[in-house]
Amino acid sequence: MPATVLVTGANGFLGRHIVAELLRRNYRVRALIRPQTATSGAALSPLATLPIECWVGDLSQPATVAGAADGCAAIIHAAALAQVNPARNPAAWAVNLIGTETMLQLAQRAGVRRFVYVGTANVFGFGTQTQPGDETRPYAGHRYGLDYMDSKRAATDAVLRAVAQHRLPAVLVHPTFMLGPGDAKPTSNALLLELSRGQLPGYPAGGKNYVHVQDVAVATVNALTQGRIGESYILGNQNLSYREAFELMAGLMGVRPPRWPIPPALARLYGAACDLKTRLTGRPASLNAAMTAVANDGHYFSAQKAIVELALPQTPLEQAVQEAFAWFKAHHYV
C-alpha cells in the first residue's frame, strides 16, 4: 500500500502543487484543512476533485488536530501565515510558531519516517547578486520588525531543536519568491496582476530571488527521501533586481514596465507616512515601513545546495511568469 503523507497548508498556493506532485508519485495524501476553509467551497474546490483525505482542524488549537498524523509515514508542514501588513501581527506567531510546535508533537507521537518543514529563505542572511546568501548566513530579517519573518525564524529553530533533542527525522526547505499558475488567492503572483494593470508607478532599489512554484513542490516532495536530516535547503532560482524583474515580467505580459526608480529615502518616507496613516485611522495602509525597508534591500540567495542534494529543478523564470499570467487570464483575473 502506498505511504500516506499528511500535508498542512494543502489548499494554499504551494500546498496544492505539493498535493498534485505527491499524487503523481502515487503517495496517499491526507490534507489538513482549516475549519473556515472546509466551509468555503471556493477555497476547497481545487482539492475537492482530488483523491485525497481531508482532516479539518486548526493548528493554533492542538486539540482539533490530535490524531491527524496517525497512520502517516511522513508529514509535509507547509501551512504558514505570510502576511506582512500589519508588520506586527500576533496571528503570525499563532500559525507559524505554535502551529509548527503542534505539528512537531504530532510527528513525534506518530513516529513518522520524515518531517519536511517548509520555511522561507528570509530566515537566512541575504547577499548580493554576485555573492548571494546561503544557508550558512545568520538571520538578518530582525532589522525589519516583521512578525512574519521573526516567527518563521523561531519555527525553524523549533524544528532544529526537535532534531537535536528528539532525533526527529526532519529536513527543512526554504523557498524564495514563488511564481506560477494556480495562485487563486492570489498571493505572490499578485505582483503580476499589479504590473499588468499598471498599478506600479516605479521600481524600488532592491531585488529578490524568484523560483517556479512547481520546482519548489518537486524539491519538497524529493525531501521525503532525499536530503540530510537536520539540514536546511534554500529553494530558489534567479536573482534579479526589481528593475530587471519588472522589465522581464512586463515584456512577457505585453505591458509597459514601471519607468521610474524609487530612491530608498523616498521609499522610507512613504513607508513612514503609511504607518502614520494606519495609526490615525486604525486601518492598515497599502504598505508599511517594514515593507519598504525590505524592498530597498537585495534579497539574493543561492540554491546550489538544494540543486545538488534535493534535485531542485531550475525552470526558467520566463516560463513561471507565462504560466501564471495564462492561468490568471483563463480564470478571469485579467
Protein backbone atom coordinates (compact mmCIF):
# COMPACT_ATOMS: atom_id res chain seq x y z
CA MET A 1 0.00 0.00 0.00
CA PRO A 2 1.37 3.50 -0.85
CA ALA A 3 2.64 5.58 2.04
CA THR A 4 0.32 8.26 3.42
CA VAL A 5 1.66 11.82 3.72
CA LEU A 6 -0.04 14.45 5.86
CA VAL A 7 0.12 17.88 4.19
CA THR A 8 -0.65 21.07 6.09
CA GLY A 9 -1.50 24.17 4.09
CA ALA A 10 -2.71 21.87 1.32
CA ASN A 11 -5.20 24.40 -0.02
CA GLY A 12 -2.57 27.15 -0.39
CA PHE A 13 -0.65 28.17 -3.50
CA LEU A 14 2.32 25.90 -2.83
CA GLY A 15 0.27 23.29 -0.98
CA ARG A 16 -1.89 22.50 -3.98
CA HIS A 17 1.21 21.89 -6.10
CA ILE A 18 2.67 19.67 -3.39
CA VAL A 19 -0.52 17.60 -3.22
CA ALA A 20 -0.55 17.18 -7.01
CA GLU A 21 3.12 16.15 -7.02
CA LEU A 22 2.51 13.58 -4.28
CA LEU A 23 -0.39 12.09 -6.22
CA ARG A 24 1.74 11.91 -9.36
CA ARG A 25 4.20 9.78 -7.39
CA ASN A 26 1.42 7.52 -6.06
CA TYR A 27 1.53 8.69 -2.46
CA ARG A 28 -1.69 8.77 -0.50
CA VAL A 29 -2.49 12.27 0.76
CA ARG A 30 -4.21 13.43 3.93
CA ALA A 31 -4.78 17.18 3.77
CA LEU A 32 -5.13 19.20 6.96
CA ILE A 33 -7.77 21.86 6.24
CA ARG A 34 -8.76 24.75 8.49
CA PRO A 35 -12.44 24.80 9.57
CA GLN A 36 -13.11 28.11 7.79
CA THR A 37 -11.60 26.65 4.61
CA ALA A 38 -13.66 23.47 4.83
CA THR A 39 -16.85 25.54 4.75
CA SER A 40 -15.67 27.66 1.80
CA GLY A 41 -16.40 25.91 -1.49
CA ALA A 42 -14.25 28.36 -3.45
CA ALA A 43 -11.18 27.76 -1.28
CA LEU A 44 -11.59 24.00 -1.18
CA SER A 45 -12.70 23.39 -4.77
CA PRO A 46 -9.21 22.71 -6.23
CA LEU A 47 -8.85 19.87 -3.71
CA ALA A 48 -12.43 18.63 -3.83
CA THR A 49 -11.97 16.69 -7.06
CA LEU A 50 -8.72 15.01 -5.98
CA PRO A 51 -8.49 11.50 -4.49
CA ILE A 52 -7.32 12.69 -1.07
CA GLU A 53 -8.50 12.50 2.53
CA CYS A 54 -9.28 15.79 4.28
CA TRP A 55 -8.86 16.36 8.03
CA VAL A 56 -10.50 19.51 9.40
CA GLY A 57 -8.52 21.17 12.17
CA ASP A 58 -6.82 24.37 13.31
CA LEU A 59 -3.08 24.31 14.01
CA SER A 60 -3.45 27.02 16.64
CA GLN A 61 -5.87 24.73 18.52
CA PRO A 62 -3.93 21.49 19.11
CA ALA A 63 -6.98 19.53 20.28
CA THR A 64 -8.54 19.83 16.82
CA VAL A 65 -5.61 18.13 15.08
CA ALA A 66 -4.91 15.37 17.59
CA GLY A 67 -4.63 12.13 15.64
CA ALA A 68 -4.26 13.85 12.27
CA ALA A 69 -0.88 12.19 11.71
CA ASP A 70 -1.88 8.72 12.88
CA GLY A 71 -1.01 6.17 10.24
CA CYS A 72 1.06 8.65 8.23
CA ALA A 73 4.57 7.78 7.15
CA ALA A 74 5.55 11.43 6.69
CA ILE A 75 4.41 14.99 7.20
CA ILE A 76 4.95 17.97 4.92
CA HIS A 77 4.27 21.06 7.02
CA ALA A 78 3.60 23.83 4.51
CA ALA A 79 0.98 25.83 6.42
CA ALA A 80 2.00 29.39 7.23
CA LEU A 81 0.66 32.90 7.60
CA ALA A 82 2.76 35.03 5.25
CA GLN A 83 1.05 38.37 5.86
CA VAL A 84 3.44 41.32 6.29
CA ASN A 85 0.83 44.06 6.69
CA PRO A 86 0.46 44.91 9.51
CA ALA A 87 4.07 44.30 10.40
CA ARG A 88 3.20 43.27 13.96
CA ASN A 89 0.64 40.50 13.87
CA PRO A 90 0.11 38.04 16.76
CA ALA A 91 -1.69 35.69 14.36
CA ALA A 92 1.63 35.09 12.60
CA TRP A 93 3.07 33.65 15.79
CA ALA A 94 -0.03 31.53 16.42
CA VAL A 95 0.16 29.92 12.99
CA ASN A 96 3.87 29.92 12.21
CA LEU A 97 5.39 29.05 15.59
CA ILE A 98 2.64 27.48 17.69
CA GLY A 99 1.33 25.64 14.64
CA THR A 100 4.78 24.26 13.90
CA GLU A 101 5.27 23.19 17.50
CA THR A 102 1.93 21.38 17.33
CA MET A 103 2.98 19.53 14.18
CA LEU A 104 6.31 18.58 15.73
CA GLN A 105 4.46 16.99 18.64
CA LEU A 106 2.16 15.10 16.26
CA ALA A 107 5.17 13.89 14.26
CA GLN A 108 6.89 12.56 17.36
CA ARG A 109 3.76 10.78 18.59
CA ALA A 110 3.10 9.23 15.17
CA GLY A 111 6.72 8.17 14.70
CA VAL A 112 6.89 9.46 11.12
CA ARG A 113 9.83 8.49 8.95
CA ARG A 114 10.26 12.03 7.60
CA PHE A 115 9.11 15.50 8.57
CA VAL A 116 9.55 18.13 5.85
CA TYR A 117 9.26 21.67 7.15
CA VAL A 118 8.55 24.41 4.59
CA GLY A 119 10.10 27.66 5.78
CA THR A 120 11.29 30.71 3.89
CA ALA A 121 14.67 31.82 2.58
CA ASN A 122 14.19 35.00 4.60
CA VAL A 123 15.31 33.16 7.74
CA PHE A 124 18.87 33.38 6.39
CA GLY A 125 21.11 36.31 5.66
CA PHE A 126 20.82 37.60 2.11
CA GLY A 127 23.68 38.67 -0.12
CA THR A 128 24.36 40.44 -3.38
CA GLN A 129 23.74 39.26 -6.93
CA THR A 130 27.41 38.39 -7.28
CA GLN A 131 27.70 36.89 -3.78
CA PRO A 132 24.22 35.67 -2.84
CA GLY A 133 23.32 34.48 0.62
CA ASP A 134 23.10 30.81 1.52
CA GLU A 135 22.09 28.50 4.37
CA THR A 136 25.20 29.40 6.39
CA ARG A 137 24.39 33.09 6.76
CA PRO A 138 22.81 34.19 10.06
CA TYR A 139 19.31 35.61 10.13
CA ALA A 140 19.18 39.26 9.08
CA GLY A 141 15.43 39.84 8.99
CA HIS A 142 15.19 41.05 12.58
CA ARG A 143 16.08 44.52 11.31
CA TYR A 144 12.64 44.87 9.72
CA GLY A 145 10.38 44.24 12.68
CA LEU A 146 8.15 41.85 10.75
CA ASP A 147 6.38 39.21 12.81
CA TYR A 148 6.15 37.02 9.72
CA MET A 149 9.92 36.74 9.33
CA ASP A 150 10.62 36.58 13.07
CA SER A 151 8.02 33.85 13.64
CA LYS A 152 9.36 31.78 10.73
CA ARG A 153 12.88 32.02 12.14
CA ALA A 154 11.57 30.91 15.53
CA ALA A 155 9.72 28.00 13.90
CA THR A 156 12.88 26.97 12.06
CA ASP A 157 14.74 26.93 15.36
CA ALA A 158 11.96 24.80 16.89
CA VAL A 159 12.38 22.19 14.15
CA LEU A 160 16.14 22.14 14.61
CA ARG A 161 15.68 21.64 18.38
CA ALA A 162 13.36 18.70 17.71
CA VAL A 163 16.05 17.16 15.51
CA ALA A 164 18.76 17.65 18.14
CA GLN A 165 16.77 16.76 21.25
CA HIS A 166 14.27 14.17 19.98
CA ARG A 167 16.01 12.83 16.87
CA LEU A 168 13.12 13.91 14.68
CA PRO A 169 13.94 12.92 11.07
CA ALA A 170 13.32 16.41 9.69
CA VAL A 171 14.53 18.15 6.55
CA LEU A 172 13.93 21.88 6.13
CA VAL A 173 13.20 23.55 2.79
CA HIS A 174 13.09 27.32 2.38
CA PRO A 175 11.54 28.74 -0.81
CA THR A 176 12.30 32.17 -2.18
CA PHE A 177 9.62 34.19 -4.07
CA MET A 178 7.37 31.74 -5.89
CA LEU A 179 5.63 32.39 -9.22
CA GLY A 180 3.50 30.10 -11.34
CA PRO A 181 -0.08 29.01 -12.08
CA GLY A 182 -2.82 28.28 -9.59
CA ASP A 183 -2.41 31.23 -7.20
CA ALA A 184 -6.11 31.61 -6.55
CA LYS A 185 -5.94 33.99 -3.60
CA PRO A 186 -3.68 35.48 -5.13
CA THR A 187 -0.52 35.75 -3.01
CA SER A 188 2.95 36.23 -4.50
CA ASN A 189 1.58 36.31 -8.05
CA ALA A 190 -0.41 39.43 -7.18
CA LEU A 191 2.74 41.22 -8.32
CA LEU A 192 1.99 40.16 -11.90
CA LEU A 193 -1.57 41.45 -11.68
CA GLU A 194 -0.36 44.81 -10.38
CA LEU A 195 2.14 45.06 -13.21
CA SER A 196 -0.41 44.09 -15.83
CA ARG A 197 -2.83 46.75 -14.54
CA GLY A 198 -0.20 49.50 -14.44
CA GLN A 199 -0.51 49.85 -10.68
CA LEU A 200 3.23 50.08 -10.00
CA PRO A 201 4.48 53.59 -10.78
CA GLY A 202 8.16 52.77 -10.16
CA TYR A 203 10.62 50.18 -9.01
CA PRO A 204 12.42 50.11 -5.65
CA ALA A 205 16.17 49.84 -5.23
CA GLY A 206 16.35 46.22 -4.09
CA GLY A 207 15.64 42.84 -5.60
CA LYS A 208 15.00 39.21 -4.79
CA ASN A 209 15.31 35.59 -5.86
CA TYR A 210 12.49 34.04 -7.89
CA VAL A 211 11.52 30.39 -8.39
CA HIS A 212 8.79 28.42 -10.17
CA VAL A 213 6.30 27.06 -7.64
CA GLN A 214 6.34 23.65 -9.31
CA ASP A 215 10.11 23.41 -8.81
CA VAL A 216 9.55 24.08 -5.11
CA ALA A 217 6.89 21.36 -4.97
CA VAL A 218 9.19 18.84 -6.67
CA ALA A 219 12.09 19.52 -4.31
CA THR A 220 9.78 19.47 -1.28
CA VAL A 221 8.46 16.02 -2.20
CA ASN A 222 12.02 14.91 -3.02
CA ALA A 223 12.88 15.81 0.57
CA LEU A 224 10.75 12.88 1.72
CA THR A 225 13.54 10.57 0.55
CA GLN A 226 16.48 12.88 -0.21
CA GLY A 227 18.47 15.45 1.73
CA ARG A 228 20.19 15.17 5.08
CA ILE A 229 18.38 15.11 8.42
CA GLY A 230 18.59 18.46 10.19
CA GLU A 231 19.76 20.32 7.09
CA SER A 232 18.18 23.39 5.53
CA TYR A 233 17.86 23.92 1.79
CA ILE A 234 17.07 27.19 0.03
CA LEU A 235 14.71 26.56 -2.91
CA GLY A 236 15.29 29.32 -5.42
CA ASN A 237 16.49 30.07 -8.91
CA GLN A 238 17.09 33.51 -10.42
CA ASN A 239 18.32 36.66 -8.68
CA LEU A 240 17.01 39.86 -10.24
CA SER A 241 16.79 43.48 -9.21
CA TYR A 242 13.25 44.82 -9.20
CA ARG A 243 14.02 46.78 -12.35
CA GLU A 244 15.24 43.64 -14.13
CA ALA A 245 12.33 41.55 -12.87
CA PHE A 246 9.64 44.10 -13.73
CA GLU A 247 11.03 44.59 -17.25
CA LEU A 248 11.09 40.84 -17.83
CA MET A 249 7.58 40.28 -16.44
CA ALA A 250 6.03 43.27 -18.21
CA GLY A 251 7.57 42.23 -21.52
CA LEU A 252 6.13 38.74 -21.25
CA MET A 253 2.68 40.12 -20.40
CA GLY A 254 2.76 42.72 -23.17
CA VAL A 255 2.56 45.78 -20.93
CA ARG A 256 4.89 48.68 -20.16
CA PRO A 257 7.20 48.23 -17.16
CA PRO A 258 7.43 50.87 -14.42
CA ARG A 259 9.70 53.64 -15.66
CA TRP A 260 10.90 55.45 -12.57
CA PRO A 261 13.36 54.35 -9.90
CA ILE A 262 12.15 54.95 -6.35
CA PRO A 263 15.03 56.35 -4.26
CA PRO A 264 15.46 54.48 -0.96
CA ALA A 265 14.97 57.69 1.05
CA LEU A 266 11.67 58.36 -0.70
CA ALA A 267 10.56 54.77 -0.09
CA ARG A 268 11.37 55.11 3.61
CA LEU A 269 9.45 58.39 3.80
CA TYR A 270 6.43 56.82 2.13
CA GLY A 271 6.57 53.83 4.47
CA ALA A 272 6.64 56.13 7.49
CA ALA A 273 3.66 58.08 6.10
CA CYS A 274 1.74 54.83 5.67
CA ASP A 275 2.47 53.87 9.27
CA LEU A 276 1.21 57.27 10.43
CA LYS A 277 -1.97 56.84 8.39
CA THR A 278 -2.51 53.43 9.97
CA ARG A 279 -2.14 54.83 13.48
CA LEU A 280 -4.54 57.69 12.76
CA THR A 281 -7.23 55.64 11.02
CA GLY A 282 -6.84 52.29 12.77
CA ARG A 283 -6.80 50.56 9.38
CA PRO A 284 -3.69 49.16 7.65
CA ALA A 285 -2.46 51.26 4.75
CA SER A 286 -1.40 49.66 1.47
CA LEU A 287 2.22 49.47 2.68
CA ASN A 288 4.20 49.90 5.88
CA ALA A 289 7.71 50.98 6.81
CA ALA A 290 8.87 47.38 7.16
CA MET A 291 7.73 46.50 3.65
CA THR A 292 9.52 49.48 2.11
CA ALA A 293 12.68 48.59 4.04
CA VAL A 294 12.56 45.08 2.59
CA ALA A 295 12.06 46.49 -0.92
CA ASN A 296 15.15 48.68 -0.54
CA ASP A 297 17.34 45.62 0.12
CA GLY A 298 18.57 42.96 -2.27
CA HIS A 299 17.30 39.61 -1.02
CA TYR A 300 19.54 37.47 -3.18
CA PHE A 301 20.17 33.79 -2.46
CA SER A 302 21.94 30.73 -3.83
CA ALA A 303 20.04 27.46 -4.28
CA GLN A 304 23.11 25.40 -5.16
CA LYS A 305 22.84 23.14 -2.12
CA ALA A 306 19.25 22.17 -2.98
CA ILE A 307 20.13 21.65 -6.63
CA VAL A 308 22.79 19.14 -5.65
CA GLU A 309 21.11 17.37 -2.72
CA LEU A 310 17.38 17.68 -3.46
CA ALA A 311 17.49 17.69 -7.28
CA LEU A 312 15.77 21.09 -7.29
CA PRO A 313 14.72 21.85 -10.90
CA GLN A 314 15.58 25.22 -12.40
CA THR A 315 12.68 26.10 -14.65
CA PRO A 316 13.28 29.46 -16.36
CA LEU A 317 11.53 32.37 -14.69
CA GLU A 318 10.02 33.27 -18.07
CA GLN A 319 8.02 30.04 -18.01
CA ALA A 320 6.76 30.69 -14.48
CA VAL A 321 5.54 34.17 -15.47
CA GLN A 322 3.91 32.96 -18.70
CA GLU A 323 2.11 30.09 -16.96
CA ALA A 324 0.95 32.31 -14.11
CA PHE A 325 -0.39 35.01 -16.43
CA ALA A 326 -2.09 32.44 -18.66
CA TRP A 327 -3.77 30.95 -15.58
CA PHE A 328 -4.96 34.37 -14.46
CA LYS A 329 -6.43 35.06 -17.91
CA ALA A 330 -8.11 31.65 -18.07
CA HIS A 331 -9.71 32.27 -14.66
CA HIS A 332 -10.77 35.85 -15.48
CA TYR A 333 -8.45 37.72 -13.15
CA VAL A 334 -7.41 39.91 -16.11
